[in-house]
Protein backbone atom coordinates (compact mmCIF):
# COMPACT_ATOMS: atom_id res chain seq x y z
CA UNK A 1 -84.36 -9.34 29.83
CA UNK A 2 -81.75 -11.54 28.17
CA UNK A 3 -80.81 -13.89 31.02
CA UNK A 4 -78.41 -15.81 28.77
CA UNK A 5 -76.27 -12.73 28.24
CA UNK A 6 -76.36 -11.92 31.96
CA UNK A 7 -75.21 -15.47 32.74
CA UNK A 8 -72.40 -15.23 30.19
CA UNK A 9 -71.26 -11.93 31.71
CA UNK A 10 -71.28 -13.35 35.24
CA UNK A 11 -69.30 -16.38 34.07
CA UNK A 12 -66.79 -14.02 32.45
CA UNK A 13 -66.42 -12.14 35.75
CA UNK A 14 -65.81 -15.42 37.60
CA UNK A 15 -63.20 -16.54 35.07
CA UNK A 16 -61.29 -13.27 34.75
CA UNK A 17 -61.66 -11.54 38.09
CA UNK A 18 -61.38 -14.64 40.26
CA UNK A 19 -58.17 -15.56 42.03
CA UNK A 20 -57.18 -18.00 39.28
CA UNK A 21 -57.26 -16.55 35.78
CA UNK A 22 -58.28 -18.81 32.93
CA UNK A 23 -57.69 -16.97 29.68
CA UNK A 24 -59.81 -18.27 26.83
CA UNK A 25 -58.76 -18.55 23.21
CA UNK A 26 -61.23 -16.04 21.82
CA UNK A 27 -61.28 -12.47 20.55
CA UNK A 28 -61.82 -10.24 23.53
CA UNK A 29 -63.61 -6.92 23.34
CA UNK A 30 -61.78 -3.77 24.41
CA UNK A 31 -63.56 -3.88 27.76
CA UNK A 32 -62.62 -7.52 28.28
CA UNK A 33 -59.03 -6.86 27.24
CA UNK A 34 -58.68 -4.11 29.82
CA UNK A 35 -60.24 -6.24 32.57
CA UNK A 36 -57.90 -9.11 31.73
CA UNK A 37 -54.83 -6.87 31.91
CA UNK A 38 -55.80 -5.60 35.36
CA UNK A 39 -56.65 -9.10 36.55
CA UNK A 40 -53.29 -10.40 35.32
CA UNK A 41 -51.47 -7.57 37.10
CA UNK A 42 -53.09 -8.65 40.37
CA UNK A 43 -52.09 -12.26 39.80
CA UNK A 44 -48.31 -11.77 39.92
CA UNK A 45 -46.24 -13.16 42.77
CA UNK A 46 -42.91 -11.96 44.16
CA UNK A 47 -40.44 -11.12 42.79
CA UNK A 48 -42.44 -10.29 39.65
CA UNK A 49 -43.54 -6.68 39.41
CA UNK A 50 -46.28 -5.58 37.05
CA UNK A 51 -47.94 -2.31 36.27
CA UNK A 52 -50.39 -1.06 33.69
CA UNK A 53 -50.09 2.34 32.10
CA UNK A 54 -51.66 4.15 29.17
CA UNK A 55 -49.63 5.75 26.40
CA UNK A 56 -52.67 7.74 25.29
CA UNK A 57 -56.09 7.28 23.75
CA UNK A 58 -57.32 6.29 20.32
CA UNK A 59 -59.17 8.67 18.03
CA UNK A 60 -62.47 7.55 19.57
CA UNK A 61 -61.14 7.77 23.11
CA UNK A 62 -60.21 4.17 23.91
CA UNK A 63 -57.20 3.65 26.17
CA UNK A 64 -53.97 2.33 24.68
CA UNK A 65 -52.90 0.20 27.64
CA UNK A 66 -49.45 -1.26 28.19
CA UNK A 67 -48.64 -4.16 30.51
CA UNK A 68 -45.16 -3.75 32.02
CA UNK A 69 -43.56 -6.84 33.50
CA UNK A 70 -40.19 -7.56 35.13
CA UNK A 71 -38.60 -9.44 38.00
CA UNK A 72 -35.36 -7.45 37.95
CA UNK A 73 -33.90 -6.97 41.41
CA UNK A 74 -35.16 -3.75 43.01
CA UNK A 75 -36.94 -3.02 39.72
CA UNK A 76 -33.48 -2.29 38.31
CA UNK A 77 -33.12 0.28 35.54
CA UNK A 78 -30.01 -1.44 34.16
CA UNK A 79 -31.96 -4.15 32.33
CA UNK A 80 -33.01 -3.65 28.68
CA UNK A 81 -36.54 -2.60 27.79
CA UNK A 82 -38.40 -4.78 25.29
CA UNK A 83 -41.45 -3.56 23.37
CA UNK A 84 -44.16 -5.84 21.96
CA UNK A 85 -47.13 -4.47 19.99
CA UNK A 86 -50.27 -6.01 18.56
CA UNK A 87 -53.23 -4.99 16.41
CA UNK A 88 -51.75 -1.92 14.69
CA UNK A 89 -54.13 -2.88 11.88
CA UNK A 90 -57.55 -3.36 13.42
CA UNK A 91 -58.52 -6.21 11.10
CA UNK A 92 -55.43 -8.22 12.12
CA UNK A 93 -56.32 -9.16 15.71
CA UNK A 94 -54.49 -12.46 16.39
CA UNK A 95 -51.58 -10.44 17.79
CA UNK A 96 -53.67 -8.94 20.58
CA UNK A 97 -54.70 -12.41 21.75
CA UNK A 98 -51.21 -13.91 21.38
CA UNK A 99 -49.79 -11.12 23.54
CA UNK A 100 -52.43 -11.61 26.24
CA UNK A 101 -51.52 -15.28 26.40
CA UNK A 102 -47.83 -14.38 26.43
CA UNK A 103 -48.33 -12.19 29.50
CA UNK A 104 -50.27 -14.98 31.21
CA UNK A 105 -47.60 -17.54 30.29
CA UNK A 106 -44.75 -15.42 31.66
CA UNK A 107 -46.54 -14.91 34.96
CA UNK A 108 -47.61 -18.53 35.34
CA UNK A 109 -44.22 -20.03 34.46
CA UNK A 110 -41.75 -17.74 36.20
CA UNK A 111 -41.29 -20.21 39.06
CA UNK A 112 -41.44 -23.25 36.77
CA UNK A 113 -39.19 -22.56 33.76
CA UNK A 114 -35.59 -21.41 33.95
CA UNK A 115 -35.74 -19.51 30.65
CA UNK A 116 -38.79 -17.51 31.72
CA UNK A 117 -37.20 -16.74 35.07
CA UNK A 118 -33.99 -15.57 33.38
CA UNK A 119 -35.93 -13.43 30.90
CA UNK A 120 -37.91 -11.59 33.57
CA UNK A 121 -34.94 -11.30 35.93
CA UNK A 122 -32.86 -9.65 33.22
CA UNK A 123 -35.25 -7.52 31.18
CA UNK A 124 -38.36 -5.40 31.36
CA UNK A 125 -41.20 -6.08 28.92
CA UNK A 126 -43.69 -3.45 27.80
CA UNK A 127 -46.58 -5.13 26.00
CA UNK A 128 -49.23 -3.15 24.10
CA UNK A 129 -51.80 -5.72 22.92
CA UNK A 130 -53.77 -3.27 20.80
CA UNK A 131 -52.68 -0.03 19.12
CA UNK A 132 -55.83 0.31 17.00
CA UNK A 133 -58.91 -0.50 19.13
CA UNK A 134 -61.16 1.67 16.94
CA UNK A 135 -60.30 -0.34 13.84
CA UNK A 136 -60.73 -3.62 15.69
CA UNK A 137 -64.18 -2.48 16.82
CA UNK A 138 -65.46 -2.39 13.22
CA UNK A 139 -63.40 -5.23 11.70
CA UNK A 140 -65.26 -8.28 10.41
CA UNK A 141 -64.50 -11.65 12.06
CA UNK A 142 -63.46 -14.28 9.53
CA UNK A 143 -62.47 -11.71 6.88
CA UNK A 144 -59.15 -13.06 5.62
CA UNK A 145 -58.33 -10.58 2.87
CA UNK A 146 -60.52 -7.49 3.34
CA UNK A 147 -59.55 -4.06 4.62
CA UNK A 148 -62.54 -3.11 6.77
CA UNK A 149 -61.14 -2.03 10.13
CA UNK A 150 -57.53 -1.95 8.93
CA UNK A 151 -57.25 1.80 9.45
CA UNK A 152 -58.05 3.92 12.48
CA UNK A 153 -61.28 5.89 13.01
CA UNK A 154 -60.04 8.63 10.66
CA UNK A 155 -59.39 6.01 7.96
CA UNK A 156 -55.62 6.35 8.25
CA UNK A 157 -53.26 3.38 8.05
CA UNK A 158 -51.22 3.79 11.23
CA UNK A 159 -48.34 1.81 9.74
CA UNK A 160 -47.96 4.44 7.00
CA UNK A 161 -48.27 7.41 9.34
CA UNK A 162 -44.83 7.71 10.95
CA UNK A 163 -42.39 10.40 9.79
CA UNK A 164 -40.06 9.22 7.08
CA UNK A 165 -36.44 9.94 7.84
CA UNK A 166 -35.50 10.93 4.27
CA UNK A 167 -38.51 11.69 2.10
CA UNK A 168 -40.75 14.73 2.50
CA UNK A 169 -43.40 13.31 0.18
CA UNK A 170 -45.64 12.01 2.97
CA UNK A 171 -47.79 14.86 4.22
CA UNK A 172 -50.49 12.82 5.96
CA UNK A 173 -51.81 14.30 9.19
CA UNK A 174 -50.22 12.57 12.17
CA UNK A 175 -52.80 10.55 14.07
CA UNK A 176 -53.19 10.56 17.85
CA UNK A 177 -52.23 6.89 17.99
CA UNK A 178 -49.02 7.67 16.10
CA UNK A 179 -48.23 10.58 18.39
CA UNK A 180 -48.76 8.34 21.41
CA UNK A 181 -46.37 5.77 19.99
CA UNK A 182 -43.72 8.38 19.23
CA UNK A 183 -43.96 9.84 22.73
CA UNK A 184 -43.67 6.34 24.18
CA UNK A 185 -40.50 5.72 22.18
CA UNK A 186 -39.12 9.11 23.26
CA UNK A 187 -39.65 8.33 26.93
CA UNK A 188 -38.31 4.77 27.10
CA UNK A 189 -35.16 3.38 25.52
CA UNK A 190 -36.36 0.22 23.79
CA UNK A 191 -33.53 -2.09 22.84
CA UNK A 192 -35.73 -4.59 21.00
CA UNK A 193 -39.22 -4.36 19.51
CA UNK A 194 -41.62 -6.71 17.77
CA UNK A 195 -45.05 -6.02 16.34
CA UNK A 196 -47.45 -8.78 15.32
CA UNK A 197 -49.50 -8.72 12.11
CA UNK A 198 -51.43 -11.26 10.08
CA UNK A 199 -51.97 -11.79 6.37
CA UNK A 200 -48.74 -13.71 5.72
CA UNK A 201 -46.32 -15.99 7.60
CA UNK A 202 -42.87 -14.40 7.76
CA UNK A 203 -40.50 -12.47 10.05
CA UNK A 204 -39.64 -9.06 8.58
CA UNK A 205 -36.72 -6.76 9.33
CA UNK A 206 -35.98 -3.17 8.16
CA UNK A 207 -36.01 -1.36 5.89
CA UNK A 208 -39.46 -1.36 4.32
CA UNK A 209 -38.68 1.89 2.54
CA UNK A 210 -36.32 2.44 -0.37
CA UNK A 211 -34.93 5.61 -1.88
CA UNK A 212 -35.87 6.93 -5.28
CA UNK A 213 -33.19 8.43 -7.47
CA UNK A 214 -33.41 9.84 -10.98
CA UNK A 215 -32.73 6.28 -12.18
CA UNK A 216 -35.67 4.82 -10.26
CA UNK A 217 -35.95 3.03 -6.95
CA UNK A 218 -32.65 1.85 -5.45
CA UNK A 219 -33.21 -1.48 -3.70
CA UNK A 220 -29.72 -1.34 -2.16
CA UNK A 221 -30.89 1.58 0.00
CA UNK A 222 -33.23 -0.74 1.90
CA UNK A 223 -30.26 -2.44 3.59
CA UNK A 224 -29.59 -1.09 7.08
CA UNK A 225 -26.15 -0.72 8.68
CA UNK A 226 -27.30 -3.41 11.15
CA UNK A 227 -28.53 -5.76 8.44
CA UNK A 228 -26.73 -8.87 9.72
CA UNK A 229 -28.00 -8.33 13.27
CA UNK A 230 -31.58 -7.71 12.17
CA UNK A 231 -31.51 -10.69 9.83
CA UNK A 232 -30.29 -12.83 12.73
CA UNK A 233 -33.12 -11.61 14.97
CA UNK A 234 -35.66 -12.45 12.28
CA UNK A 235 -34.12 -15.91 11.97
CA UNK A 236 -34.37 -16.45 15.74
CA UNK A 237 -38.11 -15.85 15.56
CA UNK A 238 -38.59 -17.95 12.44
CA UNK A 239 -36.48 -20.93 13.56
CA UNK A 240 -38.66 -21.31 16.63
CA UNK A 241 -41.83 -21.32 14.52
CA UNK A 242 -41.70 -24.49 12.43
CA UNK A 243 -44.42 -23.45 10.00
CA UNK A 244 -42.79 -20.08 9.41
CA UNK A 245 -39.26 -21.43 9.09
CA UNK A 246 -40.10 -24.32 6.77
CA UNK A 247 -42.68 -22.26 4.84
CA UNK A 248 -44.95 -25.30 4.94
CA UNK A 249 -47.96 -23.05 4.39
CA UNK A 250 -47.96 -20.62 1.45
CA UNK A 251 -50.00 -17.44 1.61
CA UNK A 252 -50.93 -16.22 -1.88
CA UNK A 253 -48.16 -18.44 -3.28
CA UNK A 254 -45.54 -16.35 -1.45
CA UNK A 255 -42.50 -18.22 -0.16
CA UNK A 256 -39.73 -16.69 1.94
CA UNK A 257 -36.38 -18.44 2.29
CA UNK A 258 -35.99 -19.44 5.92
CA UNK A 259 -39.23 -17.68 6.76
CA UNK A 260 -37.64 -14.22 6.82
CA UNK A 261 -37.41 -11.21 4.53
CA UNK A 262 -36.19 -7.66 4.48
CA UNK A 263 -39.29 -5.52 4.24
CA UNK A 264 -38.54 -3.77 0.96
CA UNK A 265 -37.57 -7.05 -0.69
CA UNK A 266 -41.21 -8.08 -0.21
CA UNK A 267 -42.89 -4.73 -0.88
CA UNK A 268 -41.92 -1.18 -0.03
CA UNK A 269 -43.72 1.75 1.55
CA UNK A 270 -43.00 4.93 3.51
CA UNK A 271 -44.07 5.88 7.01
CA UNK A 272 -43.71 2.48 8.67
CA UNK A 273 -43.37 2.18 12.44
CA UNK A 274 -40.57 -0.37 12.12
CA UNK A 275 -38.31 1.87 10.03
CA UNK A 276 -39.02 4.89 12.24
CA UNK A 277 -38.23 2.99 15.44
CA UNK A 278 -34.94 1.75 14.03
CA UNK A 279 -33.74 4.99 12.43
CA UNK A 280 -34.79 7.46 15.10
CA UNK A 281 -34.38 5.39 18.26
CA UNK A 282 -31.89 2.69 17.20
CA UNK A 283 -34.32 0.00 18.33
CA UNK A 284 -33.87 -3.39 16.71
CA UNK A 285 -37.44 -3.44 15.44
CA UNK A 286 -39.07 -6.35 13.60
CA UNK A 287 -42.50 -7.37 12.35
CA UNK A 288 -43.98 -10.84 12.60
CA UNK A 289 -46.73 -11.93 10.21
CA UNK A 290 -48.21 -15.05 11.82
CA UNK A 291 -51.29 -16.10 9.84
CA UNK A 292 -52.35 -16.19 6.20
CA UNK A 293 -55.83 -15.07 7.24
CA UNK A 294 -55.95 -11.57 8.66
CA UNK A 295 -58.88 -12.28 11.00
CA UNK A 296 -58.90 -16.08 11.39
CA UNK A 297 -61.60 -18.00 13.28
CA UNK A 298 -61.28 -18.24 17.05
CA UNK A 299 -60.67 -21.98 16.85
CA UNK A 300 -57.29 -21.25 15.22
CA UNK A 301 -56.00 -19.05 18.05
CA UNK A 302 -54.76 -21.93 20.18
CA UNK A 303 -52.59 -23.26 17.35
CA UNK A 304 -51.29 -19.77 16.56
CA UNK A 305 -50.28 -19.37 20.18
CA UNK A 306 -48.41 -22.68 20.22
CA UNK A 307 -46.67 -21.80 16.95
CA UNK A 308 -45.45 -18.44 18.25
CA UNK A 309 -44.88 -19.00 21.97
CA UNK A 310 -41.25 -20.13 21.75
CA UNK A 311 -40.53 -17.58 19.03
CA UNK A 312 -41.57 -14.77 21.36
CA UNK A 313 -39.55 -16.17 24.25
CA UNK A 314 -36.32 -16.62 22.29
CA UNK A 315 -36.78 -13.33 20.46
CA UNK A 316 -37.07 -11.45 23.76
CA UNK A 317 -34.00 -13.21 25.13
CA UNK A 318 -31.93 -11.55 22.38
CA UNK A 319 -32.21 -8.16 24.12
CA UNK A 320 -29.34 -9.25 26.38
CA UNK A 321 -27.11 -10.48 23.55
CA UNK A 322 -24.54 -7.79 22.94
CA UNK A 323 -23.01 -5.01 25.00
CA UNK A 324 -24.23 -2.61 27.67
CA UNK A 325 -22.33 -0.06 29.71
CA UNK A 326 -22.75 2.96 31.95
CA UNK A 327 -20.87 6.04 30.77
CA UNK A 328 -19.60 8.22 33.61
CA UNK A 329 -17.25 11.14 34.08
CA UNK A 330 -13.83 9.78 35.07
CA UNK A 331 -13.44 12.34 37.87
CA UNK A 332 -16.93 13.00 39.20
CA UNK A 333 -18.36 9.55 38.42
CA UNK A 334 -21.53 11.31 37.28
CA UNK A 335 -23.39 9.54 34.48
CA UNK A 336 -23.11 11.19 31.07
CA UNK A 337 -26.32 11.18 29.07
CA UNK A 338 -26.67 11.58 25.32
CA UNK A 339 -23.12 10.44 24.57
CA UNK A 340 -22.47 9.59 20.94
CA UNK A 341 -21.42 5.97 20.48
CA UNK A 342 -20.12 4.33 17.33
CA UNK A 343 -18.98 0.79 16.61
CA UNK A 344 -16.26 0.22 14.06
CA UNK A 345 -17.83 -1.44 11.03
CA UNK A 346 -21.42 -0.34 11.76
CA UNK A 347 -22.20 2.96 10.07
CA UNK A 348 -24.88 4.12 12.49
CA UNK A 349 -24.23 5.97 15.73
CA UNK A 350 -26.44 5.69 18.78
CA UNK A 351 -26.60 7.46 22.14
CA UNK A 352 -26.64 6.75 25.85
CA UNK A 353 -29.95 7.37 27.59
CA UNK A 354 -30.73 9.96 30.25
CA UNK A 355 -29.15 7.69 32.88
CA UNK A 356 -25.91 7.41 30.90
CA UNK A 357 -26.47 3.78 29.93
CA UNK A 358 -26.58 2.19 26.51
CA UNK A 359 -27.40 -1.22 25.07
CA UNK A 360 -26.50 -2.62 21.68
CA UNK A 361 -27.47 -6.04 20.37
CA UNK A 362 -24.51 -7.60 18.57
CA UNK A 363 -23.52 -10.91 17.07
CA UNK A 364 -20.62 -12.82 18.68
CA UNK A 365 -17.27 -11.24 17.85
CA UNK A 366 -14.74 -8.56 18.82
CA UNK A 367 -15.87 -4.95 18.47
CA UNK A 368 -14.29 -1.54 18.92
CA UNK A 369 -16.49 1.19 20.41
CA UNK A 370 -15.86 4.92 20.42
CA UNK A 371 -17.73 7.14 22.86
CA UNK A 372 -17.89 10.92 22.69
CA UNK A 373 -19.71 13.20 25.08
CA UNK A 374 -21.54 16.41 24.24
CA UNK A 375 -18.25 18.34 24.20
CA UNK A 376 -16.95 16.05 21.42
CA UNK A 377 -14.35 14.71 23.82
CA UNK A 378 -13.36 11.19 22.90
CA UNK A 379 -13.45 8.79 25.83
């Protein structure tokens, strides 16, 4: 009998399950990750509300658990939903650990820091630390440039597996993890989304895809109608991460002005989650590459957390920068769902949710909105 391992397990139980949680800077197994999430959910104090739910299972049957967190009054449904995702590539696990520490930090500092209190009072966060637990299970610690564990258990890159909104070239079988993500996006109106990767240090905004014409690839097509807003959101993340913003560390001699880039300006591909989320659901969706090494040593996790903590906080705060409204019938006062909304100067319509409410992140300025209901009646 290995008494050392038994002792380590008992110490883990004392640390995680005890009344005071002490989250280590280490790579946690899937079992440990799940136990930590449940322990954190039991550690919240009023008025914080937390729940854990699964959006589905991985190819090999591991739960894809989400930690939902808010302090909105009466669990209000009028606050924006924010989505944070880690470990879509199994061999890029710093994101899963950063997000665990982010959850812990939000809970521990709600009563101590005004910004954290305002964030939780005025938004609802949905945090999925790991989208690809099967890939993580076979990834090699310390492998900075390899691909082992990048894909899911069916050897599919999940970040190339989402439907492309223009091209029909991609005929890859949709994976269960992808289906779970799409259903999640269908069910919840996410105003803002960020997913964490490693392998570079840069904040990335859509599009990652570009169109191909008879003259070749058209780089101009990678610019979204919300380009200035998305670029601003990327800058918010980068500015609060000194290493990213100043590009004081080069990865493979790559340097990004201001620590940001439009995806296709770096490299282009089809089937990305970021592009799908933006085009189909109008979510302001960004990607954050936070480490040159894909699977860095555990002793670097503490520094990575400190580098990205404020970036995550200020990024999430942007969900309330813009406009929100409830669309109702003038006579019956009944909420009107699925109304078509356009903003003069932004060539991309969006819709109110099933409760008749919409959110739109905007830069400071004066805007003109047009709302039409399902009968094409202008309001």
